[in-house]
Amino acid sequence: MSATSPKRVRLKDRDHDVLRLLDRTPATAPLILKASACFAEPFEDLRRVRERMQSLAAGGWVRSTPLAATSRQAANWYRLTPEGYRLLYGADSMLPHKTFFMPMPPSRQEHALWLAEVIVHTMVSAVQSFVTIADYRRENSVVLSLGAETVKPDGSMQLRTCDGREFNFFIELDNGTEPIRSPQQRETIERKLRFYERLQDGVLATWQRGDRKRPPPRYRVLFFMRSVERKKHLLRAARQFAANPDRRVCLGVLIPEYLSDTNPLRSPLAADHHGRWLGIVSEAYESQFHREPLRLEPLTSSLTPA
């Protein structure tokens, strides 16, 4: 065996769980430890996580790269290699775009880390809440089109509750750098809000022209935000652009609140464009949860605060 050849590593069931996690999102050792609560065999501590990731990297299935220094933590990213992807999906499987396997530029890492934390917390919470993540699509794997206009959400998922209800979501994580409205910039939150409203109109119109024996297809967009004021600004804009005032397409979720809640899929953490609270997998409003609605002042023409 040459010095650069991958080492022979005996894989365990838990290793496949790790690879499936990294197919959804790159992750750090603390996030892998947290996600392992969903694995066939959870890790006992960070030392064992790091040791096993070193073995998977030696086998050629995982690549480790330094995480750009942030105020929150300094660690390594772990992500799949093409060999790790083919191990999951077969030797003849079509690989994602090459950027999926490339090191992440520092400018993208803070966004990716927040997104990874939301994904892992959702995975763990789903197991604890008896909710199944029936379908998850990673960042940049979904392209939504309306004519010449496209949007790439940060992910999508279908959640199924134990009583058979299904909830379909697109995920948008706002890092505070994208303006909600700006006449100079094309990529704004406002454009996404308008797009998702029009997309839901198109989905319902297609259903009305076709087989109406099934319930009308619906989805919601979870906008994960880092500040209360920014979330309020989002919801004021969503209220302005809502095609149907009673239809809840875009919901605002505060990231710190979501990550600190032990049951975030059922707790009243998502606010609609009227400021009313509901659970992500619940149709109940704040009256059940005894949480006062958000006070949303009229939207002004000023740009969004960071």
C-alpha atoms as a PDB file:
ATOM      1  CA  MET A   1       0.000   0.000   0.000  1.00  0.00           C
ATOM      2  CA  SER A   2       1.375   3.393  -0.960  1.00  0.00           C
ATOM      3  CA  ALA A   3       1.768   6.227   1.520  1.00  0.00           C
ATOM      4  CA  THR A   4      -1.244   8.036   0.018  1.00  0.00           C
ATOM      5  CA  SER A   5      -3.589   5.038  -0.263  1.00  0.00           C
ATOM      6  CA  PRO A   6      -6.628   5.007   2.041  1.00  0.00           C
ATOM      7  CA  LYS A   7      -6.303   2.721   5.031  1.00  0.00           C
ATOM      8  CA  ARG A   8      -8.534  -0.311   5.363  1.00  0.00           C
ATOM      9  CA  VAL A   9     -11.188   0.620   7.943  1.00  0.00           C
ATOM     10  CA  ARG A  10     -13.938  -1.687   9.117  1.00  0.00           C
ATOM     11  CA  LEU A  11     -17.228   0.208   8.985  1.00  0.00           C
ATOM     12  CA  LYS A  12     -19.931  -0.002  11.637  1.00  0.00           C
ATOM     13  CA  ASP A  13     -23.641   0.857  11.432  1.00  0.00           C
ATOM     14  CA  ARG A  14     -22.913   4.105  13.239  1.00  0.00           C
ATOM     15  CA  ASP A  15     -20.441   5.083  10.522  1.00  0.00           C
ATOM     16  CA  HIS A  16     -23.234   4.974   7.946  1.00  0.00           C
ATOM     17  CA  ASP A  17     -25.280   7.216  10.259  1.00  0.00           C
ATOM     18  CA  VAL A  18     -22.377   9.671  10.325  1.00  0.00           C
ATOM     19  CA  LEU A  19     -22.107   9.654   6.535  1.00  0.00           C
ATOM     20  CA  ARG A  20     -25.855  10.223   6.160  1.00  0.00           C
ATOM     21  CA  LEU A  21     -25.578  13.214   8.495  1.00  0.00           C
ATOM     22  CA  LEU A  22     -22.715  14.642   6.434  1.00  0.00           C
ATOM     23  CA  ASP A  23     -24.801  14.175   3.301  1.00  0.00           C
ATOM     24  CA  ARG A  24     -27.309  16.578   4.849  1.00  0.00           C
ATOM     25  CA  THR A  25     -24.788  19.056   6.178  1.00  0.00           C
ATOM     26  CA  PRO A  26     -21.114  19.429   6.948  1.00  0.00           C
ATOM     27  CA  ALA A  27     -20.665  19.183  10.706  1.00  0.00           C
ATOM     28  CA  THR A  28     -18.218  19.733  13.541  1.00  0.00           C
ATOM     29  CA  ALA A  29     -17.387  17.129  16.184  1.00  0.00           C
ATOM     30  CA  PRO A  30     -19.765  18.701  18.782  1.00  0.00           C
ATOM     31  CA  LEU A  31     -22.602  18.605  16.243  1.00  0.00           C
ATOM     32  CA  ILE A  32     -21.846  14.983  15.341  1.00  0.00           C
ATOM     33  CA  LEU A  33     -21.907  14.120  19.038  1.00  0.00           C
ATOM     34  CA  LYS A  34     -25.288  15.809  19.425  1.00  0.00           C
ATOM     35  CA  ALA A  35     -26.715  14.189  16.274  1.00  0.00           C
ATOM     36  CA  SER A  36     -25.557  10.762  17.442  1.00  0.00           C
ATOM     37  CA  ALA A  37     -28.566  10.694  19.782  1.00  0.00           C
ATOM     38  CA  CYS A  38     -30.382   9.635  16.586  1.00  0.00           C
ATOM     39  CA  PHE A  39     -27.784   7.011  15.602  1.00  0.00           C
ATOM     40  CA  ALA A  40     -27.907   3.247  16.059  1.00  0.00           C
ATOM     41  CA  GLU A  41     -25.138   3.691  18.633  1.00  0.00           C
ATOM     42  CA  PRO A  42     -24.603   7.170  20.112  1.00  0.00           C
ATOM     43  CA  PHE A  43     -21.094   8.442  20.769  1.00  0.00           C
ATOM     44  CA  GLU A  44     -20.090   8.674  24.413  1.00  0.00           C
ATOM     45  CA  ASP A  45     -17.975  11.822  24.209  1.00  0.00           C
ATOM     46  CA  LEU A  46     -16.120  14.186  21.886  1.00  0.00           C
ATOM     47  CA  ARG A  47     -12.874  12.241  22.089  1.00  0.00           C
ATOM     48  CA  ARG A  48     -14.538   9.174  20.571  1.00  0.00           C
ATOM     49  CA  VAL A  49     -16.140  11.307  17.875  1.00  0.00           C
ATOM     50  CA  ARG A  50     -12.801  12.772  16.851  1.00  0.00           C
ATOM     51  CA  GLU A  51     -11.078   9.395  16.907  1.00  0.00           C
ATOM     52  CA  ARG A  52     -13.729   7.860  14.698  1.00  0.00           C
ATOM     53  CA  MET A  53     -13.713  10.776  12.288  1.00  0.00           C
ATOM     54  CA  GLN A  54      -9.954  10.375  11.958  1.00  0.00           C
ATOM     55  CA  SER A  55     -10.523   6.732  11.032  1.00  0.00           C
ATOM     56  CA  LEU A  56     -13.177   7.630   8.455  1.00  0.00           C
ATOM     57  CA  ALA A  57     -10.860  10.254   7.005  1.00  0.00           C
ATOM     58  CA  ALA A  58      -8.062   7.672   6.834  1.00  0.00           C
ATOM     59  CA  GLY A  59     -10.454   5.376   4.957  1.00  0.00           C
ATOM     60  CA  GLY A  60     -11.095   8.113   2.393  1.00  0.00           C
ATOM     61  CA  TRP A  61     -14.812   8.631   3.124  1.00  0.00           C
ATOM     62  CA  VAL A  62     -14.587  11.897   5.065  1.00  0.00           C
ATOM     63  CA  ARG A  63     -12.487  15.034   4.701  1.00  0.00           C
ATOM     64  CA  SER A  64     -11.530  17.310   7.569  1.00  0.00           C
ATOM     65  CA  THR A  65     -10.863  21.018   7.039  1.00  0.00           C
ATOM     66  CA  PRO A  66     -10.333  23.813   9.587  1.00  0.00           C
ATOM     67  CA  LEU A  67     -13.339  25.886  10.512  1.00  0.00           C
ATOM     68  CA  ALA A  68     -12.624  29.600  10.198  1.00  0.00           C
ATOM     69  CA  ALA A  69     -12.199  31.123  13.629  1.00  0.00           C
ATOM     70  CA  THR A  70     -15.450  32.531  15.019  1.00  0.00           C
ATOM     71  CA  SER A  71     -16.501  33.928  18.352  1.00  0.00           C
ATOM     72  CA  ARG A  72     -18.501  30.775  19.028  1.00  0.00           C
ATOM     73  CA  GLN A  73     -16.058  27.928  18.524  1.00  0.00           C
ATOM     74  CA  ALA A  74     -12.897  26.829  16.754  1.00  0.00           C
ATOM     75  CA  ALA A  75     -13.005  23.339  15.312  1.00  0.00           C
ATOM     76  CA  ASN A  76     -12.801  21.289  12.139  1.00  0.00           C
ATOM     77  CA  TRP A  77     -15.457  20.779   9.502  1.00  0.00           C
ATOM     78  CA  TYR A  78     -16.140  17.195   8.487  1.00  0.00           C
ATOM     79  CA  ARG A  79     -17.712  16.575   5.098  1.00  0.00           C
ATOM     80  CA  LEU A  80     -18.177  13.729   2.657  1.00  0.00           C
ATOM     81  CA  THR A  81     -15.715  12.783  -0.052  1.00  0.00           C
ATOM     82  CA  PRO A  82     -16.888  11.327  -3.395  1.00  0.00           C
ATOM     83  CA  GLU A  83     -15.938   7.898  -2.029  1.00  0.00           C
ATOM     84  CA  GLY A  84     -18.084   8.462   1.051  1.00  0.00           C
ATOM     85  CA  TYR A  85     -21.011   9.558  -1.103  1.00  0.00           C
ATOM     86  CA  ARG A  86     -20.727   6.446  -3.309  1.00  0.00           C
ATOM     87  CA  LEU A  87     -20.533   4.281  -0.197  1.00  0.00           C
ATOM     88  CA  LEU A  88     -23.949   5.634   0.783  1.00  0.00           C
ATOM     89  CA  TYR A  89     -25.645   5.534  -2.604  1.00  0.00           C
ATOM     90  CA  GLY A  90     -23.758   2.997  -4.696  1.00  0.00           C
ATOM     91  CA  ALA A  91     -20.688   2.968  -6.904  1.00  0.00           C
ATOM     92  CA  ASP A  92     -22.683   4.057  -9.968  1.00  0.00           C
ATOM     93  CA  SER A  93     -24.543   6.899  -8.260  1.00  0.00           C
ATOM     94  CA  MET A  94     -24.352  10.355  -9.829  1.00  0.00           C
ATOM     95  CA  LEU A  95     -22.267  12.667  -7.702  1.00  0.00           C
ATOM     96  CA  PRO A  96     -23.457  16.125  -6.601  1.00  0.00           C
ATOM     97  CA  HIS A  97     -21.756  19.167  -8.061  1.00  0.00           C
ATOM     98  CA  LYS A  98     -18.043  19.284  -7.266  1.00  0.00           C
ATOM     99  CA  THR A  99     -18.548  22.217  -4.896  1.00  0.00           C
ATOM    100  CA  PHE A 100     -20.317  19.792  -2.515  1.00  0.00           C
ATOM    101  CA  PHE A 101     -16.944  18.188  -1.802  1.00  0.00           C
ATOM    102  CA  MET A 102     -14.735  21.285  -1.920  1.00  0.00           C
ATOM    103  CA  PRO A 103     -13.491  23.214   1.141  1.00  0.00           C
ATOM    104  CA  MET A 104     -15.918  25.915   2.167  1.00  0.00           C
ATOM    105  CA  PRO A 105     -14.777  29.538   1.764  1.00  0.00           C
ATOM    106  CA  PRO A 106     -14.541  31.443   5.069  1.00  0.00           C
ATOM    107  CA  SER A 107     -17.281  33.847   3.945  1.00  0.00           C
ATOM    108  CA  ARG A 108     -19.802  30.980   3.885  1.00  0.00           C
ATOM    109  CA  GLN A 109     -18.814  29.207   7.066  1.00  0.00           C
ATOM    110  CA  GLU A 110     -20.799  31.193   9.621  1.00  0.00           C
ATOM    111  CA  HIS A 111     -23.999  30.708   7.610  1.00  0.00           C
ATOM    112  CA  ALA A 112     -23.210  27.005   7.179  1.00  0.00           C
ATOM    113  CA  LEU A 113     -22.551  26.540  10.891  1.00  0.00           C
ATOM    114  CA  TRP A 114     -25.854  28.143  11.917  1.00  0.00           C
ATOM    115  CA  LEU A 115     -27.643  26.017   9.329  1.00  0.00           C
ATOM    116  CA  ALA A 116     -25.897  22.855  10.555  1.00  0.00           C
ATOM    117  CA  GLU A 117     -26.961  23.617  14.124  1.00  0.00           C
ATOM    118  CA  VAL A 118     -30.585  24.064  13.044  1.00  0.00           C
ATOM    119  CA  ILE A 119     -30.523  20.813  11.037  1.00  0.00           C
ATOM    120  CA  VAL A 120     -28.986  18.744  13.841  1.00  0.00           C
ATOM    121  CA  HIS A 121     -31.335  20.207  16.453  1.00  0.00           C
ATOM    122  CA  THR A 122     -34.281  19.396  14.181  1.00  0.00           C
ATOM    123  CA  MET A 123     -33.078  15.805  13.731  1.00  0.00           C
ATOM    124  CA  VAL A 124     -32.713  15.201  17.464  1.00  0.00           C
ATOM    125  CA  SER A 125     -35.994  16.941  18.264  1.00  0.00           C
ATOM    126  CA  ALA A 126     -37.858  14.927  15.635  1.00  0.00           C
ATOM    127  CA  VAL A 127     -36.852  11.659  17.295  1.00  0.00           C
ATOM    128  CA  GLN A 128     -37.821  12.928  20.741  1.00  0.00           C
ATOM    129  CA  SER A 129     -41.172  14.271  19.447  1.00  0.00           C
ATOM    130  CA  PHE A 130     -42.058  11.114  17.460  1.00  0.00           C
ATOM    131  CA  VAL A 131     -41.841  13.066  14.221  1.00  0.00           C
ATOM    132  CA  THR A 132     -40.309  11.514  11.105  1.00  0.00           C
ATOM    133  CA  ILE A 133     -38.168  13.514   8.696  1.00  0.00           C
ATOM    134  CA  ALA A 134     -39.552  11.744   5.636  1.00  0.00           C
ATOM    135  CA  ASP A 135     -37.661  13.724   3.038  1.00  0.00           C
ATOM    136  CA  TYR A 136     -34.756  16.108   3.476  1.00  0.00           C
ATOM    137  CA  ARG A 137     -32.987  17.956   0.665  1.00  0.00           C
ATOM    138  CA  ARG A 138     -29.722  19.679   1.443  1.00  0.00           C
ATOM    139  CA  GLU A 139     -28.645  23.229   0.619  1.00  0.00           C
ATOM    140  CA  ASN A 140     -28.256  23.922  -3.126  1.00  0.00           C
ATOM    141  CA  SER A 141     -29.935  20.628  -4.098  1.00  0.00           C
ATOM    142  CA  VAL A 142     -33.358  22.219  -4.694  1.00  0.00           C
ATOM    143  CA  VAL A 143     -33.922  24.795  -7.435  1.00  0.00           C
ATOM    144  CA  LEU A 144     -37.388  26.394  -7.564  1.00  0.00           C
ATOM    145  CA  SER A 145     -38.395  28.092 -10.803  1.00  0.00           C
ATOM    146  CA  LEU A 146     -41.101  30.502 -11.880  1.00  0.00           C
ATOM    147  CA  GLY A 147     -40.450  31.404 -15.498  1.00  0.00           C
ATOM    148  CA  ALA A 148     -36.957  32.858 -15.645  1.00  0.00           C
ATOM    149  CA  GLU A 149     -36.840  33.509 -11.898  1.00  0.00           C
ATOM    150  CA  THR A 150     -35.245  30.944  -9.585  1.00  0.00           C
ATOM    151  CA  VAL A 151     -34.684  30.535  -5.863  1.00  0.00           C
ATOM    152  CA  LYS A 152     -32.397  28.058  -4.141  1.00  0.00           C
ATOM    153  CA  PRO A 153     -33.602  27.516  -0.566  1.00  0.00           C
ATOM    154  CA  ASP A 154     -31.175  26.448   2.139  1.00  0.00           C
ATOM    155  CA  GLY A 155     -32.977  23.114   2.322  1.00  0.00           C
ATOM    156  CA  SER A 156     -36.370  21.450   2.318  1.00  0.00           C
ATOM    157  CA  MET A 157     -37.984  18.752   4.420  1.00  0.00           C
ATOM    158  CA  GLN A 158     -41.200  16.872   4.953  1.00  0.00           C
ATOM    159  CA  LEU A 159     -42.179  16.141   8.544  1.00  0.00           C
ATOM    160  CA  ARG A 160     -44.673  13.405   9.409  1.00  0.00           C
ATOM    161  CA  THR A 161     -46.304  13.179  12.810  1.00  0.00           C
ATOM    162  CA  CYS A 162     -47.244   9.908  14.465  1.00  0.00           C
ATOM    163  CA  ASP A 163     -50.931  10.524  13.611  1.00  0.00           C
ATOM    164  CA  GLY A 164     -50.147  10.641   9.877  1.00  0.00           C
ATOM    165  CA  ARG A 165     -50.120  14.399   9.226  1.00  0.00           C
ATOM    166  CA  GLU A 166     -47.549  15.741   6.773  1.00  0.00           C
ATOM    167  CA  PHE A 167     -45.897  19.160   6.824  1.00  0.00           C
ATOM    168  CA  ASN A 168     -43.764  20.391   3.924  1.00  0.00           C
ATOM    169  CA  PHE A 169     -41.190  23.118   4.453  1.00  0.00           C
ATOM    170  CA  PHE A 170     -38.548  25.071   2.633  1.00  0.00           C
ATOM    171  CA  ILE A 171     -35.753  26.374   4.858  1.00  0.00           C
ATOM    172  CA  GLU A 172     -34.246  29.840   4.595  1.00  0.00           C
ATOM    173  CA  LEU A 173     -31.556  30.818   7.077  1.00  0.00           C
ATOM    174  CA  ASP A 174     -30.975  34.543   7.334  1.00  0.00           C
ATOM    175  CA  ASN A 175     -27.526  35.513   8.556  1.00  0.00           C
ATOM    176  CA  GLY A 176     -28.309  39.210   8.786  1.00  0.00           C
ATOM    177  CA  THR A 177     -26.299  40.147   5.709  1.00  0.00           C
ATOM    178  CA  GLU A 178     -29.014  40.041   3.047  1.00  0.00           C
ATOM    179  CA  PRO A 179     -31.262  43.144   2.904  1.00  0.00           C
ATOM    180  CA  ILE A 180     -34.998  42.667   3.133  1.00  0.00           C
ATOM    181  CA  ARG A 181     -35.569  45.374   0.549  1.00  0.00           C
ATOM    182  CA  SER A 182     -33.140  47.310  -1.615  1.00  0.00           C
ATOM    183  CA  PRO A 183     -33.590  48.951  -5.027  1.00  0.00           C
ATOM    184  CA  GLN A 184     -29.910  48.344  -5.811  1.00  0.00           C
ATOM    185  CA  GLN A 185     -29.611  44.627  -5.001  1.00  0.00           C
ATOM    186  CA  ARG A 186     -31.403  41.734  -6.687  1.00  0.00           C
ATOM    187  CA  GLU A 187     -30.977  39.212  -3.870  1.00  0.00           C
ATOM    188  CA  THR A 188     -33.272  40.424  -1.108  1.00  0.00           C
ATOM    189  CA  ILE A 189     -35.624  38.819   1.386  1.00  0.00           C
ATOM    190  CA  GLU A 190     -38.453  40.770  -0.237  1.00  0.00           C
ATOM    191  CA  ARG A 191     -37.831  39.016  -3.563  1.00  0.00           C
ATOM    192  CA  LYS A 192     -37.979  35.635  -1.827  1.00  0.00           C
ATOM    193  CA  LEU A 193     -41.225  36.508  -0.062  1.00  0.00           C
ATOM    194  CA  ARG A 194     -42.859  37.515  -3.345  1.00  0.00           C
ATOM    195  CA  PHE A 195     -41.477  34.403  -5.055  1.00  0.00           C
ATOM    196  CA  TYR A 196     -42.817  31.960  -2.457  1.00  0.00           C
ATOM    197  CA  GLU A 197     -46.261  33.591  -2.517  1.00  0.00           C
ATOM    198  CA  ARG A 198     -46.395  33.260  -6.312  1.00  0.00           C
ATOM    199  CA  LEU A 199     -45.078  29.705  -6.134  1.00  0.00           C
ATOM    200  CA  GLN A 200     -47.868  28.672  -3.761  1.00  0.00           C
ATOM    201  CA  ASP A 201     -50.415  30.288  -6.097  1.00  0.00           C
ATOM    202  CA  GLY A 202     -48.999  28.235  -8.977  1.00  0.00           C
ATOM    203  CA  VAL A 203     -48.990  24.995  -6.989  1.00  0.00           C
ATOM    204  CA  LEU A 204     -52.644  25.461  -6.008  1.00  0.00           C
ATOM    205  CA  ALA A 205     -53.640  26.425  -9.566  1.00  0.00           C
ATOM    206  CA  THR A 206     -52.058  23.210 -10.906  1.00  0.00           C
ATOM    207  CA  TRP A 207     -53.930  21.173  -8.295  1.00  0.00           C
ATOM    208  CA  GLN A 208     -57.237  22.817  -9.216  1.00  0.00           C
ATOM    209  CA  ARG A 209     -56.738  21.868 -12.888  1.00  0.00           C
ATOM    210  CA  GLY A 210     -55.859  18.264 -12.086  1.00  0.00           C
ATOM    211  CA  ASP A 211     -56.870  15.456  -9.736  1.00  0.00           C
ATOM    212  CA  ARG A 212     -58.603  17.134  -6.801  1.00  0.00           C
ATOM    213  CA  LYS A 213     -59.236  13.922  -4.884  1.00  0.00           C
ATOM    214  CA  ARG A 214     -56.090  14.603  -2.894  1.00  0.00           C
ATOM    215  CA  PRO A 215     -55.871  17.495  -0.391  1.00  0.00           C
ATOM    216  CA  PRO A 216     -54.491  20.731  -1.890  1.00  0.00           C
ATOM    217  CA  PRO A 217     -50.683  20.751  -1.798  1.00  0.00           C
ATOM    218  CA  ARG A 218     -49.293  23.266   0.635  1.00  0.00           C
ATOM    219  CA  TYR A 219     -45.911  24.192   1.964  1.00  0.00           C
ATOM    220  CA  ARG A 220     -44.468  26.739   4.338  1.00  0.00           C
ATOM    221  CA  VAL A 221     -41.163  28.563   4.396  1.00  0.00           C
ATOM    222  CA  LEU A 222     -39.304  28.651   7.703  1.00  0.00           C
ATOM    223  CA  PHE A 223     -37.170  31.779   7.850  1.00  0.00           C
ATOM    224  CA  PHE A 224     -34.650  31.231  10.638  1.00  0.00           C
ATOM    225  CA  MET A 225     -33.462  34.636  11.886  1.00  0.00           C
ATOM    226  CA  ARG A 226     -30.858  35.726  14.433  1.00  0.00           C
ATOM    227  CA  SER A 227     -32.542  38.838  15.867  1.00  0.00           C
ATOM    228  CA  VAL A 228     -36.058  39.706  17.018  1.00  0.00           C
ATOM    229  CA  GLU A 229     -36.128  43.032  15.174  1.00  0.00           C
ATOM    230  CA  ARG A 230     -35.045  41.439  11.924  1.00  0.00           C
ATOM    231  CA  LYS A 231     -37.692  38.759  12.299  1.00  0.00           C
ATOM    232  CA  LYS A 232     -40.346  41.417  12.877  1.00  0.00           C
ATOM    233  CA  HIS A 233     -39.183  43.251   9.773  1.00  0.00           C
ATOM    234  CA  LEU A 234     -39.464  40.030   7.776  1.00  0.00           C
ATOM    235  CA  LEU A 235     -42.989  39.371   9.028  1.00  0.00           C
ATOM    236  CA  ARG A 236     -44.121  42.934   8.290  1.00  0.00           C
ATOM    237  CA  ALA A 237     -42.889  42.481   4.721  1.00  0.00           C
ATOM    238  CA  ALA A 238     -44.568  39.047   4.514  1.00  0.00           C
ATOM    239  CA  ARG A 239     -47.862  40.619   5.598  1.00  0.00           C
ATOM    240  CA  GLN A 240     -47.549  43.265   2.895  1.00  0.00           C
ATOM    241  CA  PHE A 241     -46.932  40.710   0.131  1.00  0.00           C
ATOM    242  CA  ALA A 242     -49.343  37.983   1.301  1.00  0.00           C
ATOM    243  CA  ALA A 243     -51.672  37.157  -1.598  1.00  0.00           C
ATOM    244  CA  ASN A 244     -54.188  35.751   0.881  1.00  0.00           C
ATOM    245  CA  PRO A 245     -54.143  37.357   4.351  1.00  0.00           C
ATOM    246  CA  ASP A 246     -55.373  34.103   5.922  1.00  0.00           C
ATOM    247  CA  ARG A 247     -52.758  31.912   4.232  1.00  0.00           C
ATOM    248  CA  ARG A 248     -49.531  31.336   6.168  1.00  0.00           C
ATOM    249  CA  VAL A 249     -46.745  30.775   3.659  1.00  0.00           C
ATOM    250  CA  CYS A 250     -43.744  32.368   5.386  1.00  0.00           C
ATOM    251  CA  LEU A 251     -43.013  31.918   9.093  1.00  0.00           C
ATOM    252  CA  GLY A 252     -40.307  33.572  11.192  1.00  0.00           C
ATOM    253  CA  VAL A 253     -38.309  31.573  13.752  1.00  0.00           C
ATOM    254  CA  LEU A 254     -35.674  33.035  16.071  1.00  0.00           C
ATOM    255  CA  ILE A 255     -32.567  30.820  15.917  1.00  0.00           C
ATOM    256  CA  PRO A 256     -31.387  31.178  19.567  1.00  0.00           C
ATOM    257  CA  GLU A 257     -34.913  30.432  20.796  1.00  0.00           C
ATOM    258  CA  TYR A 258     -35.214  27.408  18.489  1.00  0.00           C
ATOM    259  CA  LEU A 259     -31.850  25.945  19.496  1.00  0.00           C
ATOM    260  CA  SER A 260     -32.520  26.357  23.226  1.00  0.00           C
ATOM    261  CA  ASP A 261     -35.967  24.731  23.161  1.00  0.00           C
ATOM    262  CA  THR A 262     -36.159  21.028  24.022  1.00  0.00           C
ATOM    263  CA  ASN A 263     -39.262  20.504  21.872  1.00  0.00           C
ATOM    264  CA  PRO A 264     -38.939  23.090  19.074  1.00  0.00           C
ATOM    265  CA  LEU A 265     -41.137  21.293  16.542  1.00  0.00           C
ATOM    266  CA  ARG A 266     -44.200  21.502  18.788  1.00  0.00           C
ATOM    267  CA  SER A 267     -43.477  24.590  20.899  1.00  0.00           C
ATOM    268  CA  PRO A 268     -44.974  27.939  19.743  1.00  0.00           C
ATOM    269  CA  LEU A 269     -41.784  29.272  18.153  1.00  0.00           C
ATOM    270  CA  ALA A 270     -42.936  30.116  14.607  1.00  0.00           C
ATOM    271  CA  ALA A 271     -44.673  33.449  14.038  1.00  0.00           C
ATOM    272  CA  ASP A 272     -46.850  34.186  11.016  1.00  0.00           C
ATOM    273  CA  HIS A 273     -47.342  37.525   9.234  1.00  0.00           C
ATOM    274  CA  HIS A 274     -50.004  38.550  11.752  1.00  0.00           C
ATOM    275  CA  GLY A 275     -47.598  37.993  14.640  1.00  0.00           C
ATOM    276  CA  ARG A 276     -49.484  34.921  15.823  1.00  0.00           C
ATOM    277  CA  TRP A 277     -47.510  31.983  17.219  1.00  0.00           C
ATOM    278  CA  LEU A 278     -47.827  28.357  16.238  1.00  0.00           C
ATOM    279  CA  GLY A 279     -45.851  25.155  16.464  1.00  0.00           C
ATOM    280  CA  ILE A 280     -43.999  24.000  13.368  1.00  0.00           C
ATOM    281  CA  VAL A 281     -45.976  20.736  13.329  1.00  0.00           C
ATOM    282  CA  SER A 282     -49.110  22.187  14.888  1.00  0.00           C
ATOM    283  CA  GLU A 283     -52.087  24.086  13.532  1.00  0.00           C
ATOM    284  CA  ALA A 284     -52.821  25.591  16.947  1.00  0.00           C
ATOM    285  CA  TYR A 285     -52.474  29.330  17.478  1.00  0.00           C
ATOM    286  CA  GLU A 286     -51.183  31.220  20.477  1.00  0.00           C
ATOM    287  CA  SER A 287     -54.508  30.845  22.316  1.00  0.00           C
ATOM    288  CA  GLN A 288     -53.552  27.268  23.111  1.00  0.00           C
ATOM    289  CA  PHE A 289     -50.004  28.169  24.077  1.00  0.00           C
ATOM    290  CA  HIS A 290     -50.868  31.343  26.042  1.00  0.00           C
ATOM    291  CA  ARG A 291     -48.238  33.357  24.191  1.00  0.00           C
ATOM    292  CA  GLU A 292     -49.016  36.943  23.317  1.00  0.00           C
ATOM    293  CA  PRO A 293     -48.870  37.774  19.578  1.00  0.00           C
ATOM    294  CA  LEU A 294     -45.957  39.794  18.247  1.00  0.00           C
ATOM    295  CA  ARG A 295     -46.718  43.478  17.725  1.00  0.00           C
ATOM    296  CA  LEU A 296     -45.886  44.234  14.104  1.00  0.00           C
ATOM    297  CA  GLU A 297     -45.862  47.920  13.244  1.00  0.00           C
ATOM    298  CA  PRO A 298     -46.541  48.934   9.623  1.00  0.00           C
ATOM    299  CA  LEU A 299     -43.616  48.406   7.264  1.00  0.00           C
ATOM    300  CA  THR A 300     -41.638  51.537   6.432  1.00  0.00           C
ATOM    301  CA  SER A 301     -39.533  52.188   3.370  1.00  0.00           C
ATOM    302  CA  SER A 302     -36.295  52.020   5.343  1.00  0.00           C
ATOM    303  CA  LEU A 303     -33.841  49.199   4.771  1.00  0.00           C
ATOM    304  CA  THR A 304     -33.608  46.311   7.162  1.00  0.00           C
ATOM    305  CA  PRO A 305     -31.495  46.653  10.285  1.00  0.00           C
ATOM    306  CA  ALA A 306     -28.736  44.041  10.544  1.00  0.00           C
END
